Amino acid sequence: MGKDSREQFESLARQTHQQAFGFAFRLTGNAAEAEDLLQESFLRAFRFFARYDHSMPFTSWLYRIMSNTHIDLLRRKGRLQTLSLEQPNADGSLATWDVADDEATAEQKLIDATLDAPLQAGLMNMTPEFRQAVVLADVEGMAYEEIAEVMGTSIGTVRSRIHRGRKQLRRYLLKAAPATYRSLINEL
């Protein structure tokens, strides 16, 4: 990859990083998994940047890569091993971890998590295909044609997944809402 292409990719990656993290978080429901998905997706995007069609939005292309990467990670998930933070090292000592201290970001994440908890729980209750379609349409604001391109499916399938996903989400949120809110919603 030439210097100009590398600089162009870096610029696009910087511009879309926060938005892409939001999409990854909505897909995974977990900040650590979202970071992993984002890192793997940007790595793949960098590797295949020469194939990027500049006539389409970079986010659409990146989301397609993220969607495929997410599916790959879900398939491999059963085979991945996790490391316990509480399990002692071979010598019996506990592992130490360096964690970046970012007060503003942590505070903002807490606020976002508190406000979005029921919605995020509802999204995580959906099948991955429905969740992806709803997030692309309602959170990212993409057109059906763009979503079809990202998901690699027809517009009819996109419409169906969005409709069924919204229905699942509505049912979940109604069930999770306090009784006073449910009665208000039922009156509408």
C-alpha atoms as a PDB file:
ATOM      1  CA  MET A   1       0.000   0.000   0.000  1.00  0.00           C
ATOM      2  CA  GLY A   2       1.356   3.387  -0.976  1.00  0.00           C
ATOM      3  CA  LYS A   3       1.850   6.306   1.382  1.00  0.00           C
ATOM      4  CA  ASP A   4      -1.172   8.201  -0.006  1.00  0.00           C
ATOM      5  CA  SER A   5      -3.456   5.182   0.414  1.00  0.00           C
ATOM      6  CA  ARG A   6      -2.193   4.614   3.939  1.00  0.00           C
ATOM      7  CA  GLU A   7      -2.806   8.257   4.874  1.00  0.00           C
ATOM      8  CA  GLN A   8      -6.251   8.133   3.291  1.00  0.00           C
ATOM      9  CA  PHE A   9      -7.125   4.979   5.234  1.00  0.00           C
ATOM     10  CA  GLU A  10      -5.830   6.457   8.500  1.00  0.00           C
ATOM     11  CA  SER A  11      -7.892   9.591   7.948  1.00  0.00           C
ATOM     12  CA  LEU A  12     -11.058   7.597   7.227  1.00  0.00           C
ATOM     13  CA  ALA A  13     -10.417   5.329  10.209  1.00  0.00           C
ATOM     14  CA  ARG A  14      -9.992   8.312  12.548  1.00  0.00           C
ATOM     15  CA  GLN A  15     -13.179   9.937  11.228  1.00  0.00           C
ATOM     16  CA  THR A  16     -15.275   6.797  11.663  1.00  0.00           C
ATOM     17  CA  HIS A  17     -13.709   5.244  14.773  1.00  0.00           C
ATOM     18  CA  GLN A  18     -16.261   6.457  17.313  1.00  0.00           C
ATOM     19  CA  GLN A  19     -19.249   5.676  15.083  1.00  0.00           C
ATOM     20  CA  ALA A  20     -17.813   2.242  14.277  1.00  0.00           C
ATOM     21  CA  PHE A  21     -17.282   1.541  17.983  1.00  0.00           C
ATOM     22  CA  GLY A  22     -20.954   2.342  18.592  1.00  0.00           C
ATOM     23  CA  PHE A  23     -21.966  -0.141  15.914  1.00  0.00           C
ATOM     24  CA  ALA A  24     -19.618  -2.783  17.317  1.00  0.00           C
ATOM     25  CA  PHE A  25     -20.966  -2.213  20.829  1.00  0.00           C
ATOM     26  CA  ARG A  26     -24.547  -2.599  19.636  1.00  0.00           C
ATOM     27  CA  LEU A  27     -23.612  -5.862  17.917  1.00  0.00           C
ATOM     28  CA  THR A  28     -21.715  -7.354  20.848  1.00  0.00           C
ATOM     29  CA  GLY A  29     -23.304  -5.725  23.890  1.00  0.00           C
ATOM     30  CA  ASN A  30     -19.921  -5.591  25.588  1.00  0.00           C
ATOM     31  CA  ALA A  31     -17.248  -2.868  25.449  1.00  0.00           C
ATOM     32  CA  ALA A  32     -14.300  -5.288  25.504  1.00  0.00           C
ATOM     33  CA  GLU A  33     -15.773  -7.456  22.745  1.00  0.00           C
ATOM     34  CA  ALA A  34     -16.644  -4.315  20.786  1.00  0.00           C
ATOM     35  CA  GLU A  35     -13.005  -3.167  20.983  1.00  0.00           C
ATOM     36  CA  ASP A  36     -11.841  -6.593  19.788  1.00  0.00           C
ATOM     37  CA  LEU A  37     -14.345  -6.548  16.930  1.00  0.00           C
ATOM     38  CA  LEU A  38     -13.361  -3.007  15.998  1.00  0.00           C
ATOM     39  CA  GLN A  39      -9.637  -3.776  16.033  1.00  0.00           C
ATOM     40  CA  GLU A  40     -10.047  -6.928  13.941  1.00  0.00           C
ATOM     41  CA  SER A  41     -12.349  -5.108  11.505  1.00  0.00           C
ATOM     42  CA  PHE A  42      -9.990  -2.161  11.020  1.00  0.00           C
ATOM     43  CA  LEU A  43      -7.127  -4.594  10.508  1.00  0.00           C
ATOM     44  CA  ARG A  44      -9.083  -6.423   7.791  1.00  0.00           C
ATOM     45  CA  ALA A  45     -10.182  -3.125   6.244  1.00  0.00           C
ATOM     46  CA  PHE A  46      -6.569  -1.944   6.117  1.00  0.00           C
ATOM     47  CA  ARG A  47      -5.454  -5.203   4.550  1.00  0.00           C
ATOM     48  CA  PHE A  48      -8.111  -4.979   1.816  1.00  0.00           C
ATOM     49  CA  PHE A  49      -8.236  -1.196   1.395  1.00  0.00           C
ATOM     50  CA  ALA A  50      -7.084  -1.528  -2.221  1.00  0.00           C
ATOM     51  CA  ARG A  51     -10.442  -3.233  -2.940  1.00  0.00           C
ATOM     52  CA  TYR A  52     -12.494  -0.409  -1.421  1.00  0.00           C
ATOM     53  CA  ASP A  53     -14.866   1.157  -3.966  1.00  0.00           C
ATOM     54  CA  HIS A  54     -14.568   4.893  -3.316  1.00  0.00           C
ATOM     55  CA  SER A  55     -17.993   5.527  -4.850  1.00  0.00           C
ATOM     56  CA  MET A  56     -19.676   4.018  -1.786  1.00  0.00           C
ATOM     57  CA  PRO A  57     -19.481   5.401   1.765  1.00  0.00           C
ATOM     58  CA  PHE A  58     -16.524   4.138   3.777  1.00  0.00           C
ATOM     59  CA  THR A  59     -18.805   3.333   6.723  1.00  0.00           C
ATOM     60  CA  SER A  60     -20.927   1.009   4.579  1.00  0.00           C
ATOM     61  CA  TRP A  61     -17.844  -0.883   3.465  1.00  0.00           C
ATOM     62  CA  LEU A  62     -16.440  -0.965   6.997  1.00  0.00           C
ATOM     63  CA  TYR A  63     -19.768  -2.126   8.462  1.00  0.00           C
ATOM     64  CA  ARG A  64     -19.870  -4.956   5.939  1.00  0.00           C
ATOM     65  CA  ILE A  65     -16.424  -6.027   7.111  1.00  0.00           C
ATOM     66  CA  MET A  66     -17.501  -5.643  10.753  1.00  0.00           C
ATOM     67  CA  SER A  67     -20.629  -7.712  10.145  1.00  0.00           C
ATOM     68  CA  ASN A  68     -18.656 -10.529   8.553  1.00  0.00           C
ATOM     69  CA  THR A  69     -15.987 -10.323  11.253  1.00  0.00           C
ATOM     70  CA  HIS A  70     -18.664 -10.441  13.952  1.00  0.00           C
ATOM     71  CA  ILE A  71     -20.154 -13.579  12.402  1.00  0.00           C
ATOM     72  CA  ASP A  72     -16.681 -15.144  12.228  1.00  0.00           C
ATOM     73  CA  LEU A  73     -16.035 -14.300  15.881  1.00  0.00           C
ATOM     74  CA  LEU A  74     -19.398 -15.749  16.919  1.00  0.00           C
ATOM     75  CA  ARG A  75     -18.590 -18.976  15.081  1.00  0.00           C
ATOM     76  CA  ARG A  76     -15.198 -19.244  16.781  1.00  0.00           C
ATOM     77  CA  LYS A  77     -16.430 -18.118  20.182  1.00  0.00           C
ATOM     78  CA  GLY A  78     -16.866 -21.639  21.501  1.00  0.00           C
ATOM     79  CA  ARG A  79     -13.251 -22.424  20.679  1.00  0.00           C
ATOM     80  CA  LEU A  80     -11.756 -19.306  22.238  1.00  0.00           C
ATOM     81  CA  GLN A  81     -10.280 -19.606  25.714  1.00  0.00           C
ATOM     82  CA  THR A  82     -10.600 -16.884  28.297  1.00  0.00           C
ATOM     83  CA  LEU A  83      -8.136 -15.976  31.013  1.00  0.00           C
ATOM     84  CA  SER A  84      -9.458 -15.552  34.542  1.00  0.00           C
ATOM     85  CA  LEU A  85      -8.341 -12.343  36.223  1.00  0.00           C
ATOM     86  CA  GLU A  86      -8.563 -14.038  39.611  1.00  0.00           C
ATOM     87  CA  GLN A  87      -6.643 -17.210  38.802  1.00  0.00           C
ATOM     88  CA  PRO A  88      -3.100 -17.131  40.223  1.00  0.00           C
ATOM     89  CA  ASN A  89      -0.004 -17.287  38.044  1.00  0.00           C
ATOM     90  CA  ALA A  90       2.109 -20.464  37.975  1.00  0.00           C
ATOM     91  CA  ASP A  91       4.168 -19.142  40.920  1.00  0.00           C
ATOM     92  CA  GLY A  92       1.023 -18.534  43.014  1.00  0.00           C
ATOM     93  CA  SER A  93       1.081 -14.736  42.724  1.00  0.00           C
ATOM     94  CA  LEU A  94      -1.895 -12.830  41.369  1.00  0.00           C
ATOM     95  CA  ALA A  95      -1.600 -11.230  37.952  1.00  0.00           C
ATOM     96  CA  THR A  96      -1.349  -7.450  37.824  1.00  0.00           C
ATOM     97  CA  TRP A  97      -3.027  -5.409  35.140  1.00  0.00           C
ATOM     98  CA  ASP A  98      -2.302  -1.894  33.946  1.00  0.00           C
ATOM     99  CA  VAL A  99      -5.542  -0.094  33.178  1.00  0.00           C
ATOM    100  CA  ALA A 100      -5.669   3.294  31.494  1.00  0.00           C
ATOM    101  CA  ASP A 101      -7.218   5.980  33.697  1.00  0.00           C
ATOM    102  CA  ASP A 102      -9.662   7.979  31.619  1.00  0.00           C
ATOM    103  CA  GLU A 103     -12.158   9.619  34.010  1.00  0.00           C
ATOM    104  CA  ALA A 104     -14.239  11.506  31.430  1.00  0.00           C
ATOM    105  CA  THR A 105     -14.579   8.510  29.159  1.00  0.00           C
ATOM    106  CA  ALA A 106     -15.432   6.183  32.029  1.00  0.00           C
ATOM    107  CA  GLU A 107     -18.021   8.641  33.353  1.00  0.00           C
ATOM    108  CA  GLN A 108     -19.560   9.051  29.910  1.00  0.00           C
ATOM    109  CA  LYS A 109     -19.639   5.288  29.420  1.00  0.00           C
ATOM    110  CA  LEU A 110     -21.411   4.890  32.761  1.00  0.00           C
ATOM    111  CA  ILE A 111     -24.032   7.478  31.797  1.00  0.00           C
ATOM    112  CA  ASP A 112     -24.510   5.875  28.390  1.00  0.00           C
ATOM    113  CA  ALA A 113     -24.728   2.417  29.910  1.00  0.00           C
ATOM    114  CA  THR A 114     -27.308   3.564  32.456  1.00  0.00           C
ATOM    115  CA  LEU A 115     -29.491   5.296  29.897  1.00  0.00           C
ATOM    116  CA  ASP A 116     -29.159   2.557  27.301  1.00  0.00           C
ATOM    117  CA  ALA A 117     -29.296  -0.513  29.551  1.00  0.00           C
ATOM    118  CA  PRO A 118     -32.881  -1.581  28.710  1.00  0.00           C
ATOM    119  CA  LEU A 119     -32.390  -0.862  25.016  1.00  0.00           C
ATOM    120  CA  GLN A 120     -29.053  -2.689  24.909  1.00  0.00           C
ATOM    121  CA  ALA A 121     -30.560  -5.645  26.780  1.00  0.00           C
ATOM    122  CA  GLY A 122     -33.393  -5.715  24.266  1.00  0.00           C
ATOM    123  CA  LEU A 123     -30.960  -5.639  21.359  1.00  0.00           C
ATOM    124  CA  MET A 124     -28.900  -8.456  22.865  1.00  0.00           C
ATOM    125  CA  ASN A 125     -32.102 -10.498  23.238  1.00  0.00           C
ATOM    126  CA  MET A 126     -32.571 -10.407  19.434  1.00  0.00           C
ATOM    127  CA  THR A 127     -31.037 -12.744  16.882  1.00  0.00           C
ATOM    128  CA  PRO A 128     -27.805 -11.300  15.396  1.00  0.00           C
ATOM    129  CA  GLU A 129     -29.385 -10.743  11.947  1.00  0.00           C
ATOM    130  CA  PHE A 130     -32.340  -8.793  13.352  1.00  0.00           C
ATOM    131  CA  ARG A 131     -30.102  -6.842  15.751  1.00  0.00           C
ATOM    132  CA  GLN A 132     -27.740  -5.848  12.947  1.00  0.00           C
ATOM    133  CA  ALA A 133     -30.581  -4.696  10.681  1.00  0.00           C
ATOM    134  CA  VAL A 134     -32.267  -2.664  13.438  1.00  0.00           C
ATOM    135  CA  VAL A 135     -28.993  -1.054  14.545  1.00  0.00           C
ATOM    136  CA  LEU A 136     -28.052  -0.096  10.985  1.00  0.00           C
ATOM    137  CA  ALA A 137     -31.509   1.376  10.324  1.00  0.00           C
ATOM    138  CA  ASP A 138     -32.441   2.988  13.616  1.00  0.00           C
ATOM    139  CA  VAL A 139     -29.111   3.798  15.256  1.00  0.00           C
ATOM    140  CA  GLU A 140     -26.884   4.426  12.242  1.00  0.00           C
ATOM    141  CA  GLY A 141     -29.696   5.876  10.091  1.00  0.00           C
ATOM    142  CA  MET A 142     -28.765   3.937   6.961  1.00  0.00           C
ATOM    143  CA  ALA A 143     -31.128   3.549   3.999  1.00  0.00           C
ATOM    144  CA  TYR A 144     -32.484   0.071   3.217  1.00  0.00           C
ATOM    145  CA  GLU A 145     -30.359  -0.128   0.062  1.00  0.00           C
ATOM    146  CA  GLU A 146     -27.217   0.624   2.044  1.00  0.00           C
ATOM    147  CA  ILE A 147     -28.157  -1.918   4.721  1.00  0.00           C
ATOM    148  CA  ALA A 148     -28.727  -4.544   2.030  1.00  0.00           C
ATOM    149  CA  GLU A 149     -25.224  -3.831   0.714  1.00  0.00           C
ATOM    150  CA  VAL A 150     -23.670  -4.048   4.190  1.00  0.00           C
ATOM    151  CA  MET A 151     -25.523  -7.249   5.089  1.00  0.00           C
ATOM    152  CA  GLY A 152     -25.069  -8.826   1.664  1.00  0.00           C
ATOM    153  CA  THR A 153     -28.773  -9.520   1.253  1.00  0.00           C
ATOM    154  CA  SER A 154     -31.822  -8.254  -0.632  1.00  0.00           C
ATOM    155  CA  ILE A 155     -33.814  -5.161   0.293  1.00  0.00           C
ATOM    156  CA  GLY A 156     -36.864  -7.351   0.958  1.00  0.00           C
ATOM    157  CA  THR A 157     -34.903  -9.387   3.486  1.00  0.00           C
ATOM    158  CA  VAL A 158     -33.667  -6.173   5.110  1.00  0.00           C
ATOM    159  CA  ARG A 159     -37.234  -4.847   5.421  1.00  0.00           C
ATOM    160  CA  SER A 160     -38.381  -8.132   6.931  1.00  0.00           C
ATOM    161  CA  ARG A 161     -35.509  -8.272   9.430  1.00  0.00           C
ATOM    162  CA  ILE A 162     -36.041  -4.671  10.502  1.00  0.00           C
ATOM    163  CA  HIS A 163     -39.785  -5.212  10.941  1.00  0.00           C
ATOM    164  CA  ARG A 164     -39.369  -8.446  12.884  1.00  0.00           C
ATOM    165  CA  GLY A 165     -36.460  -7.044  14.895  1.00  0.00           C
ATOM    166  CA  ARG A 166     -38.402  -3.940  15.910  1.00  0.00           C
ATOM    167  CA  LYS A 167     -41.306  -6.168  16.896  1.00  0.00           C
ATOM    168  CA  GLN A 168     -39.007  -8.299  19.080  1.00  0.00           C
ATOM    169  CA  LEU A 169     -37.475  -5.186  20.626  1.00  0.00           C
ATOM    170  CA  ARG A 170     -40.865  -3.616  21.329  1.00  0.00           C
ATOM    171  CA  ARG A 171     -42.080  -6.825  23.003  1.00  0.00           C
ATOM    172  CA  TYR A 172     -38.943  -7.016  25.131  1.00  0.00           C
ATOM    173  CA  LEU A 173     -39.086  -3.366  26.196  1.00  0.00           C
ATOM    174  CA  LEU A 174     -42.781  -3.641  27.063  1.00  0.00           C
ATOM    175  CA  LYS A 175     -42.078  -6.681  29.208  1.00  0.00           C
ATOM    176  CA  ALA A 176     -39.138  -4.951  30.910  1.00  0.00           C
ATOM    177  CA  ALA A 177     -40.969  -1.649  31.511  1.00  0.00           C
ATOM    178  CA  PRO A 178     -42.545  -0.922  34.899  1.00  0.00           C
ATOM    179  CA  ALA A 179     -46.313  -1.530  35.062  1.00  0.00           C
ATOM    180  CA  THR A 180     -47.110   2.213  35.053  1.00  0.00           C
ATOM    181  CA  TYR A 181     -45.317   2.692  31.743  1.00  0.00           C
ATOM    182  CA  ARG A 182     -46.902  -0.418  30.231  1.00  0.00           C
ATOM    183  CA  SER A 183     -50.379   0.912  30.988  1.00  0.00           C
ATOM    184  CA  LEU A 184     -49.496   4.274  29.401  1.00  0.00           C
ATOM    185  CA  ILE A 185     -48.123   2.564  26.305  1.00  0.00           C
ATOM    186  CA  ASN A 186     -51.190   0.350  26.001  1.00  0.00           C
ATOM    187  CA  GLU A 187     -53.411   3.459  26.087  1.00  0.00           C
ATOM    188  CA  LEU A 188     -51.612   4.915  23.062  1.00  0.00           C
END
